[in-house]
Amino acid sequence: MDNSLNIKFPLDMALYFVQSLPTDYQNAILQMLLNKTQEKATTSQKLPFEYGAAKSAILYVAPDFNAPLEDFNDYM
C-alpha cells in the first residue's frame, strides 16, 4: 500500500505552510527534498545516450517547414 499523498498545492501556499512549521520539521522537509533531487540527478546520469539516438523520433516534416510565416509579414 502506497502511503504517499499525491496532492498538488501552489508553491506560495506550500512555502507558507512550511514556514509556519517548527524549525526541526522545516529541516526535515529540506533534507527530504535535497535527497529526492540528488536521486533524480543520479538516475538521469545513468542513462547513456549516443548521437542519433532520437533519429526515429521525427516522423514527418512539412515541405514548407522553413518557409516564412504569413503572420509575421508586418514584422519583416
N, C-alpha and C. Protein backbone atom coordinates (compact mmCIF):
# COMPACT_ATOMS: atom_id res chain seq x y z
N MET A 1 0.84 -1.18 0.00
CA MET A 1 0.00 0.00 0.00
C MET A 1 0.89 1.24 0.00
N ASP A 2 0.58 2.18 -0.87
CA ASP A 2 1.36 3.40 -1.01
C ASP A 2 0.78 4.45 -0.06
N ASN A 3 1.60 4.96 0.85
CA ASN A 3 1.15 5.94 1.82
C ASN A 3 1.42 7.37 1.38
N SER A 4 2.03 7.57 0.23
CA SER A 4 2.34 8.92 -0.21
C SER A 4 1.09 9.62 -0.72
N LEU A 5 1.00 10.91 -0.42
CA LEU A 5 -0.13 11.71 -0.88
C LEU A 5 0.23 12.33 -2.21
N ASN A 6 -0.68 12.32 -3.13
CA ASN A 6 -0.44 12.90 -4.45
C ASN A 6 -1.30 14.14 -4.61
N ILE A 7 -1.14 15.08 -3.68
CA ILE A 7 -1.91 16.32 -3.69
C ILE A 7 -0.99 17.44 -4.13
N LYS A 8 -1.46 18.29 -5.03
CA LYS A 8 -0.63 19.37 -5.54
C LYS A 8 -1.17 20.70 -5.01
N PHE A 9 -0.24 21.53 -4.51
CA PHE A 9 -0.56 22.85 -3.99
C PHE A 9 0.25 23.88 -4.76
N PRO A 10 -0.23 25.12 -4.83
CA PRO A 10 0.61 26.18 -5.40
C PRO A 10 1.86 26.37 -4.54
N LEU A 11 2.95 26.77 -5.14
CA LEU A 11 4.22 26.89 -4.44
C LEU A 11 4.13 27.88 -3.29
N ASP A 12 3.47 29.02 -3.48
CA ASP A 12 3.41 30.00 -2.41
C ASP A 12 2.64 29.47 -1.20
N MET A 13 1.61 28.66 -1.43
CA MET A 13 0.86 28.07 -0.33
C MET A 13 1.73 27.05 0.41
N ALA A 14 2.47 26.26 -0.34
CA ALA A 14 3.33 25.26 0.29
C ALA A 14 4.43 25.93 1.10
N LEU A 15 5.04 26.99 0.57
CA LEU A 15 6.08 27.69 1.31
C LEU A 15 5.54 28.34 2.58
N TYR A 16 4.34 28.90 2.50
CA TYR A 16 3.72 29.50 3.68
C TYR A 16 3.50 28.43 4.75
N PHE A 17 3.03 27.27 4.33
CA PHE A 17 2.79 26.18 5.27
C PHE A 17 4.09 25.71 5.91
N VAL A 18 5.13 25.53 5.10
CA VAL A 18 6.42 25.05 5.63
C VAL A 18 7.02 26.08 6.58
N GLN A 19 6.88 27.36 6.27
CA GLN A 19 7.44 28.40 7.14
C GLN A 19 6.73 28.47 8.48
N SER A 20 5.50 28.00 8.54
CA SER A 20 4.76 28.03 9.80
C SER A 20 5.09 26.83 10.69
N LEU A 21 5.85 25.87 10.19
CA LEU A 21 6.23 24.69 10.96
C LEU A 21 7.42 25.00 11.87
N PRO A 22 7.62 24.19 12.91
CA PRO A 22 8.83 24.35 13.73
C PRO A 22 10.10 24.08 12.91
N THR A 23 11.21 24.60 13.36
CA THR A 23 12.48 24.53 12.63
C THR A 23 12.90 23.09 12.36
N ASP A 24 12.68 22.19 13.31
CA ASP A 24 13.06 20.79 13.11
C ASP A 24 12.32 20.19 11.92
N TYR A 25 11.03 20.49 11.82
CA TYR A 25 10.24 19.98 10.69
C TYR A 25 10.69 20.61 9.37
N GLN A 26 11.01 21.91 9.40
CA GLN A 26 11.49 22.57 8.19
C GLN A 26 12.77 21.92 7.69
N ASN A 27 13.70 21.63 8.63
CA ASN A 27 14.96 21.00 8.25
C ASN A 27 14.72 19.60 7.70
N ALA A 28 13.78 18.87 8.28
CA ALA A 28 13.49 17.51 7.80
C ALA A 28 12.92 17.55 6.38
N ILE A 29 12.05 18.51 6.11
CA ILE A 29 11.48 18.65 4.77
C ILE A 29 12.56 19.03 3.77
N LEU A 30 13.44 19.95 4.18
CA LEU A 30 14.54 20.36 3.30
C LEU A 30 15.44 19.17 2.97
N GLN A 31 15.79 18.37 3.97
CA GLN A 31 16.63 17.21 3.72
C GLN A 31 15.95 16.20 2.80
N MET A 32 14.65 16.01 2.99
CA MET A 32 13.91 15.08 2.14
C MET A 32 13.92 15.57 0.69
N LEU A 33 13.71 16.87 0.48
CA LEU A 33 13.72 17.42 -0.87
C LEU A 33 15.10 17.33 -1.49
N LEU A 34 16.14 17.60 -0.71
CA LEU A 34 17.50 17.50 -1.24
C LEU A 34 17.84 16.08 -1.63
N ASN A 35 17.41 15.11 -0.84
CA ASN A 35 17.67 13.71 -1.17
C ASN A 35 16.95 13.31 -2.45
N LYS A 36 15.72 13.78 -2.63
CA LYS A 36 14.99 13.44 -3.85
C LYS A 36 15.64 14.05 -5.08
N THR A 37 16.13 15.29 -4.98
CA THR A 37 16.77 15.91 -6.14
C THR A 37 18.09 15.21 -6.45
N GLN A 38 18.81 14.76 -5.42
CA GLN A 38 20.06 14.02 -5.66
C GLN A 38 19.77 12.68 -6.30
N GLU A 39 18.67 12.01 -5.90
CA GLU A 39 18.31 10.74 -6.51
C GLU A 39 17.97 10.92 -7.98
N LYS A 40 17.26 12.00 -8.30
CA LYS A 40 16.91 12.27 -9.70
C LYS A 40 18.16 12.55 -10.52
N ALA A 41 19.11 13.27 -9.94
CA ALA A 41 20.34 13.59 -10.67
C ALA A 41 21.14 12.34 -10.95
N THR A 42 21.21 11.43 -10.00
CA THR A 42 22.00 10.22 -10.22
C THR A 42 21.30 9.29 -11.20
N THR A 43 19.98 9.23 -11.19
CA THR A 43 19.30 8.36 -12.13
C THR A 43 19.39 8.91 -13.55
N SER A 44 19.38 10.24 -13.70
CA SER A 44 19.48 10.80 -15.05
C SER A 44 20.90 10.62 -15.60
N GLN A 45 21.90 10.52 -14.74
CA GLN A 45 23.26 10.32 -15.20
C GLN A 45 23.49 8.88 -15.62
N LYS A 46 22.64 7.96 -15.24
CA LYS A 46 22.83 6.56 -15.56
C LYS A 46 22.36 6.21 -16.98
N LEU A 47 21.70 7.12 -17.65
CA LEU A 47 21.17 6.83 -18.98
C LEU A 47 22.18 7.22 -20.04
N PRO A 48 22.80 6.27 -20.72
CA PRO A 48 23.77 6.61 -21.75
C PRO A 48 23.06 6.91 -23.08
N PHE A 49 23.32 8.08 -23.60
CA PHE A 49 22.76 8.45 -24.90
C PHE A 49 23.89 8.59 -25.91
N GLU A 50 23.59 8.24 -27.13
CA GLU A 50 24.57 8.37 -28.20
C GLU A 50 24.01 9.29 -29.27
N TYR A 51 24.88 9.80 -30.11
CA TYR A 51 24.43 10.64 -31.22
C TYR A 51 23.51 9.82 -32.12
N GLY A 52 22.39 10.41 -32.51
CA GLY A 52 21.45 9.74 -33.39
C GLY A 52 20.47 8.84 -32.65
N ALA A 53 20.42 8.93 -31.33
CA ALA A 53 19.53 8.06 -30.56
C ALA A 53 18.06 8.38 -30.82
N ALA A 54 17.75 9.63 -31.19
CA ALA A 54 16.36 10.03 -31.41
C ALA A 54 16.06 10.26 -32.89
N LYS A 55 16.86 9.70 -33.77
CA LYS A 55 16.65 9.98 -35.20
C LYS A 55 15.33 9.43 -35.71
N SER A 56 14.79 8.42 -35.05
CA SER A 56 13.49 7.89 -35.48
C SER A 56 12.33 8.58 -34.79
N ALA A 57 12.60 9.60 -33.93
CA ALA A 57 11.54 10.28 -33.20
C ALA A 57 10.76 11.24 -34.11
N ILE A 58 11.41 11.83 -35.10
CA ILE A 58 10.74 12.76 -36.02
C ILE A 58 10.23 11.95 -37.19
N LEU A 59 8.91 11.87 -37.29
CA LEU A 59 8.31 11.04 -38.32
C LEU A 59 7.96 11.80 -39.59
N TYR A 60 7.69 13.13 -39.45
CA TYR A 60 7.26 13.89 -40.62
C TYR A 60 7.68 15.34 -40.45
N VAL A 61 8.20 15.93 -41.51
CA VAL A 61 8.50 17.35 -41.56
C VAL A 61 7.82 17.90 -42.81
N ALA A 62 7.01 18.93 -42.63
CA ALA A 62 6.29 19.52 -43.76
C ALA A 62 7.28 20.08 -44.78
N PRO A 63 6.93 20.02 -46.08
CA PRO A 63 7.85 20.53 -47.11
C PRO A 63 8.11 22.02 -46.98
N ASP A 64 7.17 22.78 -46.43
CA ASP A 64 7.35 24.23 -46.29
C ASP A 64 7.78 24.60 -44.87
N PHE A 65 8.51 23.74 -44.21
CA PHE A 65 8.92 23.96 -42.83
C PHE A 65 9.72 25.25 -42.67
N ASN A 66 10.62 25.55 -43.60
CA ASN A 66 11.46 26.74 -43.50
C ASN A 66 10.87 27.96 -44.19
N ALA A 67 9.68 27.85 -44.73
CA ALA A 67 9.06 28.98 -45.41
C ALA A 67 8.66 30.06 -44.39
N PRO A 68 8.73 31.33 -44.79
CA PRO A 68 8.33 32.40 -43.86
C PRO A 68 6.83 32.32 -43.55
N LEU A 69 6.49 32.64 -42.32
CA LEU A 69 5.09 32.60 -41.90
C LEU A 69 4.40 33.90 -42.29
N GLU A 70 3.19 33.80 -42.80
CA GLU A 70 2.44 34.98 -43.23
C GLU A 70 2.06 35.87 -42.04
N ASP A 71 1.93 35.27 -40.87
CA ASP A 71 1.54 36.04 -39.69
C ASP A 71 2.59 37.08 -39.30
N PHE A 72 3.86 36.89 -39.72
CA PHE A 72 4.93 37.78 -39.33
C PHE A 72 5.34 38.73 -40.44
N ASN A 73 4.54 38.89 -41.48
CA ASN A 73 4.87 39.79 -42.58
C ASN A 73 5.00 41.22 -42.11
N ASP A 74 4.20 41.63 -41.12
CA ASP A 74 4.27 43.00 -40.63
C ASP A 74 5.58 43.30 -39.94
N TYR A 75 6.24 42.30 -39.43
CA TYR A 75 7.46 42.49 -38.67
C TYR A 75 8.71 42.34 -39.52
N MET A 76 8.58 41.90 -40.76
CA MET A 76 9.75 41.66 -41.59
C MET A 76 10.01 42.83 -42.51
